[in-house]
């Protein structure tokens, strides 16, 4: 498992169509994570909300910095429709994930999935998986952006994620009305 090292993947390499920069606008494949009590939740069950999905490892120092930022923004934007989720890639995740959630006071769903499932979701090979990786999704379930470990996004994560959340939560701009033609 690699942590926060530069990784150059283009949108086509990820199987995604670029909209601008590292933004995408493709439907998200289904993804399921398992929670501590054995419940399973699907990413699609959060349609209608702006979702951030962070893939992390409990022992990763960069992930330990990142998750409290996501928690802080959840407290601020959760009532407005922001829903973070986190999925651990730890080998035996139940105990470390529970301890991580308690240590960092995380109140949003945190679970785990196999590396194979995570890589299939991200459309990468296991050796290409770096943590933390943060994906954001539009209310309609489409992928908005993927931020891979080592990207400049994480240098100012709070400001950058705040901007993304505000953009995703903003009401759609009404189409400009054309002035009526005079007869």
N, C-alpha and C. Protein backbone atom coordinates (compact mmCIF):
# COMPACT_ATOMS: atom_id res chain seq x y z
N UNK A 1 0.85 -1.17 0.00
CA UNK A 1 0.00 0.00 0.00
C UNK A 1 0.89 1.23 0.00
N UNK A 2 0.60 2.13 -0.87
CA UNK A 2 1.40 3.34 -1.00
C UNK A 2 0.63 4.52 -0.42
N UNK A 3 1.35 5.45 0.17
CA UNK A 3 0.68 6.60 0.73
C UNK A 3 1.22 7.88 0.15
N UNK A 4 0.34 8.73 -0.25
CA UNK A 4 0.57 10.10 -0.66
C UNK A 4 1.82 10.31 -1.52
N UNK A 5 1.96 9.53 -2.53
CA UNK A 5 3.04 9.73 -3.47
C UNK A 5 2.42 10.11 -4.80
N UNK A 6 3.17 10.82 -5.57
CA UNK A 6 2.64 11.27 -6.86
C UNK A 6 2.28 10.08 -7.73
N UNK A 7 1.19 10.20 -8.39
CA UNK A 7 0.72 9.16 -9.29
C UNK A 7 0.09 9.86 -10.46
N UNK A 8 0.58 9.60 -11.63
CA UNK A 8 0.04 10.26 -12.81
C UNK A 8 -0.92 9.32 -13.51
N UNK A 9 -2.18 9.59 -13.36
CA UNK A 9 -3.21 8.84 -14.06
C UNK A 9 -4.08 9.84 -14.79
N UNK A 10 -4.23 9.68 -16.05
CA UNK A 10 -5.09 10.56 -16.81
C UNK A 10 -6.51 10.04 -16.72
N UNK A 11 -7.51 10.89 -16.96
CA UNK A 11 -8.89 10.42 -16.92
C UNK A 11 -9.12 9.19 -17.81
N UNK A 12 -8.57 9.14 -19.05
CA UNK A 12 -8.78 7.93 -19.83
C UNK A 12 -8.18 6.69 -19.17
N UNK A 13 -7.05 6.85 -18.46
CA UNK A 13 -6.44 5.71 -17.79
C UNK A 13 -7.34 5.21 -16.66
N UNK A 14 -8.14 6.10 -16.11
CA UNK A 14 -9.08 5.71 -15.07
C UNK A 14 -10.41 5.24 -15.66
N UNK A 15 -10.53 5.32 -16.98
CA UNK A 15 -11.77 4.93 -17.63
C UNK A 15 -12.84 6.00 -17.51
N UNK A 16 -12.44 7.25 -17.30
CA UNK A 16 -13.40 8.33 -17.12
C UNK A 16 -13.20 9.40 -18.17
N UNK A 17 -14.26 10.08 -18.52
CA UNK A 17 -14.18 11.16 -19.49
C UNK A 17 -13.93 12.48 -18.77
N UNK A 18 -12.92 13.20 -19.19
CA UNK A 18 -12.60 14.47 -18.54
C UNK A 18 -13.59 15.54 -18.94
N UNK A 19 -14.02 16.34 -17.98
CA UNK A 19 -14.86 17.49 -18.27
C UNK A 19 -13.97 18.72 -18.28
N UNK A 20 -13.22 18.93 -17.21
CA UNK A 20 -12.23 19.99 -17.15
C UNK A 20 -11.26 19.61 -16.06
N UNK A 21 -9.99 19.81 -16.28
CA UNK A 21 -9.00 19.45 -15.28
C UNK A 21 -9.15 18.01 -14.87
N UNK A 22 -9.28 17.79 -13.57
CA UNK A 22 -9.45 16.43 -13.06
C UNK A 22 -10.91 16.18 -12.69
N UNK A 23 -11.82 16.90 -13.30
CA UNK A 23 -13.24 16.69 -13.04
C UNK A 23 -13.80 15.72 -14.07
N UNK A 24 -14.80 15.01 -13.66
CA UNK A 24 -15.44 14.01 -14.51
C UNK A 24 -16.94 14.24 -14.42
N UNK A 25 -17.66 13.70 -15.34
CA UNK A 25 -19.10 13.77 -15.25
C UNK A 25 -19.69 12.50 -15.80
N UNK A 26 -19.23 11.39 -15.27
CA UNK A 26 -19.72 10.10 -15.70
C UNK A 26 -20.50 9.47 -14.56
N UNK A 27 -21.42 8.59 -14.89
CA UNK A 27 -22.14 7.91 -13.82
C UNK A 27 -21.17 7.11 -12.96
N UNK A 28 -21.39 7.10 -11.69
CA UNK A 28 -20.54 6.34 -10.79
C UNK A 28 -20.95 4.88 -10.82
N UNK A 29 -19.98 3.98 -10.87
CA UNK A 29 -20.35 2.57 -10.70
C UNK A 29 -20.81 2.35 -9.26
N UNK A 30 -21.55 1.30 -9.03
CA UNK A 30 -22.00 1.01 -7.67
C UNK A 30 -20.80 0.63 -6.82
N UNK A 31 -20.88 1.00 -5.56
CA UNK A 31 -19.82 0.66 -4.62
C UNK A 31 -20.47 0.39 -3.27
N UNK A 32 -20.03 -0.67 -2.62
CA UNK A 32 -20.59 -1.06 -1.32
C UNK A 32 -19.47 -1.11 -0.29
N UNK A 33 -19.74 -0.52 0.88
CA UNK A 33 -18.79 -0.66 1.97
C UNK A 33 -19.48 -1.30 3.15
N UNK A 34 -18.68 -2.02 3.93
CA UNK A 34 -19.21 -2.71 5.10
C UNK A 34 -18.88 -1.90 6.34
N UNK A 35 -19.88 -1.72 7.20
CA UNK A 35 -19.69 -0.98 8.44
C UNK A 35 -19.39 -1.94 9.59
N UNK A 36 -18.98 -1.40 10.72
CA UNK A 36 -18.53 -2.20 11.85
C UNK A 36 -19.56 -3.22 12.33
N UNK A 37 -20.82 -2.86 12.36
CA UNK A 37 -21.85 -3.77 12.86
C UNK A 37 -22.29 -4.79 11.81
N UNK A 38 -21.59 -4.82 10.68
CA UNK A 38 -21.91 -5.79 9.64
C UNK A 38 -22.87 -5.28 8.60
N UNK A 39 -23.43 -4.05 8.79
CA UNK A 39 -24.33 -3.51 7.77
C UNK A 39 -23.50 -3.15 6.53
N UNK A 40 -24.15 -3.20 5.41
CA UNK A 40 -23.53 -2.79 4.15
C UNK A 40 -24.32 -1.60 3.61
N UNK A 41 -23.60 -0.61 3.12
CA UNK A 41 -24.27 0.53 2.51
C UNK A 41 -23.73 0.73 1.11
N UNK A 42 -24.62 1.15 0.24
CA UNK A 42 -24.28 1.39 -1.16
C UNK A 42 -24.13 2.88 -1.40
N UNK A 43 -23.17 3.23 -2.22
CA UNK A 43 -22.97 4.63 -2.60
C UNK A 43 -24.25 5.20 -3.20
N UNK A 44 -24.95 4.41 -3.99
CA UNK A 44 -26.16 4.90 -4.66
C UNK A 44 -27.27 5.28 -3.68
N UNK A 45 -27.22 4.79 -2.45
CA UNK A 45 -28.27 5.13 -1.49
C UNK A 45 -28.17 6.59 -1.03
N UNK A 46 -27.11 7.29 -1.44
CA UNK A 46 -26.94 8.69 -1.06
C UNK A 46 -27.23 9.64 -2.22
N UNK A 47 -27.89 9.13 -3.28
CA UNK A 47 -28.27 10.02 -4.37
C UNK A 47 -29.15 11.12 -3.81
N UNK A 48 -28.98 12.32 -4.34
CA UNK A 48 -29.68 13.47 -3.83
C UNK A 48 -28.82 14.28 -2.88
N UNK A 49 -27.68 13.71 -2.51
CA UNK A 49 -26.71 14.42 -1.65
C UNK A 49 -25.41 14.59 -2.40
N UNK A 50 -24.65 15.56 -2.00
CA UNK A 50 -23.29 15.76 -2.48
C UNK A 50 -22.42 14.83 -1.64
N UNK A 51 -21.74 13.88 -2.26
CA UNK A 51 -21.00 12.85 -1.52
C UNK A 51 -19.50 13.00 -1.75
N UNK A 52 -18.75 12.80 -0.67
CA UNK A 52 -17.29 12.67 -0.76
C UNK A 52 -16.95 11.29 -0.21
N UNK A 53 -16.20 10.52 -0.98
CA UNK A 53 -15.79 9.18 -0.57
C UNK A 53 -14.27 9.19 -0.43
N UNK A 54 -13.80 9.01 0.80
CA UNK A 54 -12.35 8.99 1.04
C UNK A 54 -11.90 7.55 1.25
N UNK A 55 -10.89 7.17 0.50
CA UNK A 55 -10.26 5.86 0.67
C UNK A 55 -9.00 6.12 1.49
N UNK A 56 -8.87 5.40 2.59
CA UNK A 56 -7.78 5.69 3.53
C UNK A 56 -7.24 4.43 4.17
N UNK A 57 -6.16 4.58 4.88
CA UNK A 57 -5.59 3.52 5.70
C UNK A 57 -5.41 4.11 7.10
N UNK A 58 -5.80 3.39 8.12
CA UNK A 58 -5.79 3.94 9.47
C UNK A 58 -4.40 4.33 9.95
N UNK A 59 -3.35 3.73 9.42
CA UNK A 59 -1.99 4.04 9.85
C UNK A 59 -1.30 5.09 8.99
N UNK A 60 -1.98 5.59 7.99
CA UNK A 60 -1.41 6.59 7.07
C UNK A 60 -1.45 7.97 7.72
N UNK A 61 -0.29 8.63 7.91
CA UNK A 61 -0.29 9.96 8.53
C UNK A 61 -1.08 11.00 7.74
N UNK A 62 -1.04 10.91 6.42
CA UNK A 62 -1.78 11.88 5.60
C UNK A 62 -3.28 11.66 5.71
N UNK A 63 -3.68 10.41 5.87
CA UNK A 63 -5.10 10.10 6.08
C UNK A 63 -5.55 10.60 7.44
N UNK A 64 -4.67 10.50 8.43
CA UNK A 64 -4.99 10.98 9.76
C UNK A 64 -5.15 12.49 9.78
N UNK A 65 -4.48 13.19 8.88
CA UNK A 65 -4.67 14.64 8.73
C UNK A 65 -5.94 14.95 7.96
N UNK A 66 -6.23 14.14 6.97
CA UNK A 66 -7.34 14.40 6.05
C UNK A 66 -8.71 14.18 6.68
N UNK A 67 -8.88 13.09 7.41
CA UNK A 67 -10.21 12.74 7.92
C UNK A 67 -10.80 13.79 8.86
N UNK A 68 -10.04 14.41 9.77
CA UNK A 68 -10.63 15.46 10.60
C UNK A 68 -11.10 16.67 9.78
N UNK A 69 -10.45 16.93 8.66
CA UNK A 69 -10.89 18.01 7.78
C UNK A 69 -12.26 17.67 7.19
N UNK A 70 -12.39 16.44 6.71
CA UNK A 70 -13.67 16.00 6.15
C UNK A 70 -14.75 16.06 7.23
N UNK A 71 -14.42 15.64 8.46
CA UNK A 71 -15.38 15.69 9.57
C UNK A 71 -15.81 17.13 9.85
N UNK A 72 -14.86 18.05 9.87
CA UNK A 72 -15.17 19.45 10.12
C UNK A 72 -16.14 19.99 9.06
N UNK A 73 -15.88 19.66 7.81
CA UNK A 73 -16.75 20.14 6.74
C UNK A 73 -18.11 19.45 6.77
N UNK A 74 -18.15 18.22 7.24
CA UNK A 74 -19.43 17.52 7.40
C UNK A 74 -20.30 18.23 8.43
N UNK A 75 -19.69 18.64 9.54
CA UNK A 75 -20.47 19.37 10.56
C UNK A 75 -21.04 20.66 9.98
N UNK A 76 -20.26 21.30 9.13
CA UNK A 76 -20.69 22.58 8.56
C UNK A 76 -21.70 22.41 7.43
N UNK A 77 -21.46 21.46 6.54
CA UNK A 77 -22.27 21.34 5.33
C UNK A 77 -23.24 20.14 5.33
N UNK A 78 -23.14 19.27 6.32
CA UNK A 78 -24.05 18.12 6.39
C UNK A 78 -25.51 18.50 6.34
N UNK A 79 -25.93 19.50 7.12
CA UNK A 79 -27.35 19.90 7.08
C UNK A 79 -27.79 20.45 5.72
N UNK A 80 -26.83 20.83 4.89
CA UNK A 80 -27.15 21.38 3.57
C UNK A 80 -27.12 20.32 2.48
N UNK A 81 -26.76 19.07 2.85
CA UNK A 81 -26.78 17.99 1.86
C UNK A 81 -25.43 17.38 1.55
N UNK A 82 -24.39 17.66 2.32
CA UNK A 82 -23.08 17.05 2.11
C UNK A 82 -22.98 15.78 2.93
N UNK A 83 -22.59 14.67 2.27
CA UNK A 83 -22.49 13.38 2.95
C UNK A 83 -21.14 12.73 2.67
N UNK A 84 -20.22 12.77 3.62
CA UNK A 84 -18.98 12.04 3.42
C UNK A 84 -19.13 10.57 3.81
N UNK A 85 -18.32 9.76 3.19
CA UNK A 85 -18.19 8.33 3.51
C UNK A 85 -16.69 8.04 3.48
N UNK A 86 -16.26 7.04 4.22
CA UNK A 86 -14.85 6.67 4.17
C UNK A 86 -14.75 5.16 4.14
N UNK A 87 -13.78 4.68 3.38
CA UNK A 87 -13.56 3.24 3.27
C UNK A 87 -12.09 2.95 3.51
N UNK A 88 -11.83 2.08 4.47
CA UNK A 88 -10.47 1.71 4.85
C UNK A 88 -9.98 0.55 4.00
N UNK A 89 -8.67 0.57 3.77
CA UNK A 89 -8.03 -0.51 3.02
C UNK A 89 -7.12 -1.34 3.93
N UNK A 90 -7.31 -1.22 5.23
CA UNK A 90 -6.51 -1.99 6.18
C UNK A 90 -6.77 -3.49 5.97
N UNK A 91 -5.76 -4.31 6.25
CA UNK A 91 -5.89 -5.73 6.00
C UNK A 91 -6.95 -6.40 6.88
N UNK A 92 -6.95 -6.13 8.17
CA UNK A 92 -7.97 -6.65 9.08
C UNK A 92 -8.63 -5.44 9.72
N UNK A 93 -9.63 -4.87 9.06
CA UNK A 93 -10.07 -3.52 9.36
C UNK A 93 -10.97 -3.30 10.57
N UNK A 94 -11.69 -4.26 11.04
CA UNK A 94 -12.73 -4.00 12.05
C UNK A 94 -12.19 -3.23 13.26
N UNK A 95 -11.18 -3.74 13.92
CA UNK A 95 -10.66 -3.07 15.12
C UNK A 95 -9.98 -1.75 14.81
N UNK A 96 -9.05 -1.70 13.82
CA UNK A 96 -8.40 -0.41 13.56
C UNK A 96 -9.38 0.67 13.11
N UNK A 97 -10.40 0.31 12.36
CA UNK A 97 -11.37 1.31 11.90
C UNK A 97 -12.17 1.84 13.09
N UNK A 98 -12.62 0.97 13.98
CA UNK A 98 -13.38 1.41 15.15
C UNK A 98 -12.52 2.33 16.02
N UNK A 99 -11.27 1.98 16.20
CA UNK A 99 -10.36 2.82 16.99
C UNK A 99 -10.11 4.17 16.30
N UNK A 100 -9.96 4.15 14.99
CA UNK A 100 -9.72 5.37 14.21
C UNK A 100 -10.92 6.32 14.33
N UNK A 101 -12.10 5.79 14.16
CA UNK A 101 -13.34 6.58 14.25
C UNK A 101 -13.46 7.23 15.63
N UNK A 102 -13.15 6.46 16.66
CA UNK A 102 -13.23 6.99 18.03
C UNK A 102 -12.15 8.05 18.27
N UNK A 103 -10.93 7.77 17.86
CA UNK A 103 -9.81 8.69 18.10
C UNK A 103 -10.04 10.04 17.43
N UNK A 104 -10.60 10.04 16.21
CA UNK A 104 -10.78 11.28 15.45
C UNK A 104 -12.22 11.80 15.50
N UNK A 105 -13.07 11.21 16.33
CA UNK A 105 -14.46 11.65 16.49
C UNK A 105 -15.19 11.78 15.16
N UNK A 106 -15.10 10.76 14.35
CA UNK A 106 -15.74 10.75 13.04
C UNK A 106 -17.20 10.33 13.23
N UNK A 107 -18.12 11.14 12.69
CA UNK A 107 -19.54 10.85 12.87
C UNK A 107 -20.24 10.43 11.58
N UNK A 108 -19.52 10.41 10.47
CA UNK A 108 -20.12 9.94 9.22
C UNK A 108 -19.77 8.46 9.03
N UNK A 109 -20.45 7.76 8.11
CA UNK A 109 -20.18 6.33 7.93
C UNK A 109 -18.75 6.04 7.48
N UNK A 110 -18.11 5.15 8.23
CA UNK A 110 -16.76 4.70 7.92
C UNK A 110 -16.78 3.18 7.93
N UNK A 111 -16.30 2.59 6.88
CA UNK A 111 -16.29 1.13 6.79
C UNK A 111 -15.07 0.65 6.04
N UNK A 112 -15.22 -0.46 5.38
CA UNK A 112 -14.11 -1.03 4.64
C UNK A 112 -14.63 -1.84 3.47
N UNK A 113 -13.72 -2.10 2.57
CA UNK A 113 -13.99 -2.95 1.41
C UNK A 113 -12.65 -3.58 1.03
N UNK A 114 -12.71 -4.61 0.24
CA UNK A 114 -11.46 -5.26 -0.19
C UNK A 114 -10.72 -4.35 -1.16
N UNK A 115 -9.43 -4.51 -1.21
CA UNK A 115 -8.62 -3.75 -2.16
C UNK A 115 -9.09 -4.04 -3.58
N UNK A 116 -9.47 -5.27 -3.84
CA UNK A 116 -9.96 -5.63 -5.18
C UNK A 116 -11.22 -4.85 -5.53
N UNK A 117 -12.16 -4.74 -4.59
CA UNK A 117 -13.39 -3.98 -4.85
C UNK A 117 -13.10 -2.50 -5.03
N UNK A 118 -12.21 -1.96 -4.22
CA UNK A 118 -11.85 -0.54 -4.32
C UNK A 118 -11.19 -0.26 -5.66
N UNK A 119 -10.25 -1.11 -6.05
CA UNK A 119 -9.56 -0.91 -7.33
C UNK A 119 -10.51 -1.08 -8.51
N UNK A 120 -11.45 -2.00 -8.42
CA UNK A 120 -12.44 -2.16 -9.49
C UNK A 120 -13.29 -0.89 -9.58
N UNK A 121 -13.68 -0.33 -8.45
CA UNK A 121 -14.47 0.90 -8.43
C UNK A 121 -13.69 2.06 -9.05
N UNK A 122 -12.41 2.18 -8.69
CA UNK A 122 -11.58 3.26 -9.22
C UNK A 122 -11.04 2.98 -10.62
N UNK A 123 -11.22 1.74 -11.07
CA UNK A 123 -10.72 1.28 -12.37
C UNK A 123 -9.21 1.43 -12.48
N UNK A 124 -8.52 0.91 -11.44
CA UNK A 124 -7.06 0.90 -11.40
C UNK A 124 -6.57 -0.46 -10.95
N UNK A 125 -5.28 -0.68 -11.07
CA UNK A 125 -4.65 -1.90 -10.57
C UNK A 125 -4.25 -1.68 -9.12
N UNK A 126 -4.17 -2.73 -8.30
CA UNK A 126 -3.81 -2.55 -6.89
C UNK A 126 -2.50 -1.78 -6.67
N UNK A 127 -1.52 -1.98 -7.51
CA UNK A 127 -0.25 -1.26 -7.34
C UNK A 127 -0.38 0.23 -7.65
N UNK A 128 -1.52 0.66 -8.19
CA UNK A 128 -1.77 2.07 -8.49
C UNK A 128 -2.56 2.77 -7.39
N UNK A 129 -2.93 2.02 -6.35
CA UNK A 129 -3.75 2.59 -5.29
C UNK A 129 -2.87 3.33 -4.29
N UNK A 130 -3.11 4.60 -4.14
CA UNK A 130 -2.42 5.45 -3.18
C UNK A 130 -3.48 6.04 -2.25
N UNK A 131 -3.10 6.25 -0.99
CA UNK A 131 -4.05 6.84 -0.05
C UNK A 131 -3.45 8.09 0.58
N UNK A 132 -4.28 9.06 0.92
CA UNK A 132 -5.72 9.07 0.72
C UNK A 132 -6.09 9.37 -0.73
N UNK A 133 -7.21 8.84 -1.15
CA UNK A 133 -7.83 9.18 -2.42
C UNK A 133 -9.23 9.66 -2.09
N UNK A 134 -9.60 10.80 -2.65
CA UNK A 134 -10.89 11.41 -2.35
C UNK A 134 -11.66 11.61 -3.65
N UNK A 135 -12.86 11.05 -3.71
CA UNK A 135 -13.74 11.22 -4.87
C UNK A 135 -14.96 12.01 -4.41
N UNK A 136 -15.42 12.92 -5.25
CA UNK A 136 -16.65 13.65 -4.95
C UNK A 136 -17.68 13.33 -6.02
N UNK A 137 -18.94 13.36 -5.61
CA UNK A 137 -20.04 12.98 -6.47
C UNK A 137 -21.14 14.03 -6.44
N UNK A 138 -21.70 14.29 -7.59
CA UNK A 138 -22.82 15.22 -7.71
C UNK A 138 -24.06 14.59 -7.09
N UNK A 139 -25.07 15.41 -6.87
CA UNK A 139 -26.32 14.90 -6.28
C UNK A 139 -26.96 13.80 -7.13
N UNK A 140 -26.73 13.82 -8.42
CA UNK A 140 -27.31 12.80 -9.31
C UNK A 140 -26.47 11.53 -9.37
N UNK A 141 -25.41 11.45 -8.56
CA UNK A 141 -24.59 10.25 -8.50
C UNK A 141 -23.43 10.23 -9.47
N UNK A 142 -23.30 11.27 -10.29
CA UNK A 142 -22.19 11.32 -11.23
C UNK A 142 -20.90 11.71 -10.51
N UNK A 143 -19.80 11.13 -10.99
CA UNK A 143 -18.50 11.47 -10.45
C UNK A 143 -18.21 12.92 -10.80
N UNK A 144 -17.84 13.71 -9.79
CA UNK A 144 -17.45 15.10 -10.04
C UNK A 144 -15.93 15.20 -10.17
N UNK A 145 -15.20 14.62 -9.23
CA UNK A 145 -13.73 14.71 -9.26
C UNK A 145 -13.12 13.57 -8.47
N UNK A 146 -11.90 13.24 -8.81
CA UNK A 146 -11.10 12.28 -8.05
C UNK A 146 -9.77 12.93 -7.74
N UNK A 147 -9.39 12.90 -6.49
CA UNK A 147 -8.12 13.49 -6.06
C UNK A 147 -7.27 12.37 -5.50
N UNK A 148 -6.17 12.10 -6.19
CA UNK A 148 -5.28 11.03 -5.80
C UNK A 148 -4.20 11.55 -4.86
N UNK A 149 -3.76 10.71 -3.96
CA UNK A 149 -2.71 11.09 -3.01
C UNK A 149 -1.54 11.73 -3.76
N UNK A 150 -1.01 12.78 -3.16
CA UNK A 150 0.13 13.46 -3.75
C UNK A 150 -0.25 14.64 -4.62
N UNK A 151 -1.52 14.77 -4.97
CA UNK A 151 -1.94 15.90 -5.79
C UNK A 151 -1.92 17.18 -4.95
N UNK A 152 -1.78 18.30 -5.63
CA UNK A 152 -1.77 19.60 -4.97
C UNK A 152 -3.06 19.84 -4.18
N UNK A 153 -4.14 19.20 -4.55
CA UNK A 153 -5.42 19.33 -3.84
C UNK A 153 -5.23 19.16 -2.33
N UNK A 154 -4.40 18.19 -1.94
CA UNK A 154 -4.23 17.87 -0.53
C UNK A 154 -3.35 18.89 0.21
N UNK A 155 -2.62 19.73 -0.51
CA UNK A 155 -1.80 20.75 0.15
C UNK A 155 -2.67 21.79 0.85
N UNK A 156 -3.84 22.05 0.29
CA UNK A 156 -4.80 22.98 0.89
C UNK A 156 -6.17 22.30 0.87
N UNK A 157 -6.21 21.12 1.46
CA UNK A 157 -7.40 20.28 1.35
C UNK A 157 -8.67 20.95 1.87
N UNK A 158 -8.60 21.58 3.01
CA UNK A 158 -9.82 22.17 3.56
C UNK A 158 -10.41 23.21 2.61
N UNK A 159 -9.59 24.13 2.13
CA UNK A 159 -10.08 25.17 1.22
C UNK A 159 -10.56 24.55 -0.09
N UNK A 160 -9.80 23.61 -0.62
CA UNK A 160 -10.18 22.99 -1.90
C UNK A 160 -11.45 22.17 -1.79
N UNK A 161 -11.57 21.39 -0.73
CA UNK A 161 -12.78 20.58 -0.57
C UNK A 161 -13.98 21.48 -0.26
N UNK A 162 -13.78 22.52 0.52
CA UNK A 162 -14.86 23.48 0.80
C UNK A 162 -15.39 24.06 -0.52
N UNK A 163 -14.48 24.47 -1.40
CA UNK A 163 -14.90 25.03 -2.70
C UNK A 163 -15.68 24.01 -3.51
N UNK A 164 -15.23 22.76 -3.51
CA UNK A 164 -15.95 21.72 -4.25
C UNK A 164 -17.33 21.49 -3.67
N UNK A 165 -17.42 21.41 -2.35
CA UNK A 165 -18.71 21.20 -1.70
C UNK A 165 -19.66 22.33 -2.02
N UNK A 166 -19.19 23.56 -1.90
CA UNK A 166 -20.06 24.71 -2.19
C UNK A 166 -20.52 24.71 -3.64
N UNK A 167 -19.63 24.34 -4.54
CA UNK A 167 -20.00 24.24 -5.95
C UNK A 167 -21.08 23.17 -6.14
N UNK A 168 -20.89 22.01 -5.53
CA UNK A 168 -21.83 20.90 -5.70
C UNK A 168 -23.17 21.15 -5.01
N UNK A 169 -23.16 21.92 -3.93
CA UNK A 169 -24.41 22.20 -3.22
C UNK A 169 -25.17 23.39 -3.79
N UNK A 170 -24.50 24.18 -4.62
CA UNK A 170 -25.16 25.37 -5.18
C UNK A 170 -26.34 24.95 -6.05
N UNK A 171 -27.43 25.72 -5.99
CA UNK A 171 -28.55 25.39 -6.86
C UNK A 171 -28.15 25.57 -8.32
N UNK A 172 -28.73 24.77 -9.21
CA UNK A 172 -28.40 24.92 -10.62
C UNK A 172 -28.74 26.32 -11.10
N UNK A 173 -27.88 26.85 -11.94
CA UNK A 173 -28.13 28.19 -12.48
C UNK A 173 -29.28 28.12 -13.46
N UNK A 174 -30.21 29.03 -13.30
CA UNK A 174 -31.36 29.07 -14.21
C UNK A 174 -30.87 29.53 -15.58
N UNK A 175 -31.42 28.96 -16.59
CA UNK A 175 -31.06 29.37 -17.94
C UNK A 175 -31.46 30.82 -18.14
N UNK A 176 -30.58 31.55 -18.73
CA UNK A 176 -30.86 32.98 -18.98
C UNK A 176 -32.05 33.08 -19.92
N UNK A 177 -33.01 33.91 -19.56
CA UNK A 177 -34.20 34.10 -20.40
C UNK A 177 -33.86 35.06 -21.51
N UNK A 178 -34.28 34.68 -22.70
CA UNK A 178 -34.09 35.56 -23.84
C UNK A 178 -35.19 36.61 -23.84
N UNK A 179 -34.83 37.84 -24.16
CA UNK A 179 -35.88 38.85 -24.22
C UNK A 179 -36.90 38.51 -25.32
N UNK A 180 -38.14 38.81 -25.03
CA UNK A 180 -39.19 38.53 -26.02
C UNK A 180 -38.97 39.41 -27.25
N UNK A 181 -39.21 38.80 -28.42
CA UNK A 181 -39.08 39.54 -29.67
C UNK A 181 -40.29 40.46 -29.84
N UNK A 182 -40.00 41.66 -30.30
CA UNK A 182 -41.09 42.62 -30.56
C UNK A 182 -41.66 42.34 -31.94
N UNK A 183 -42.96 42.43 -32.01
CA UNK A 183 -43.61 42.15 -33.29
C UNK A 183 -43.56 43.30 -34.23
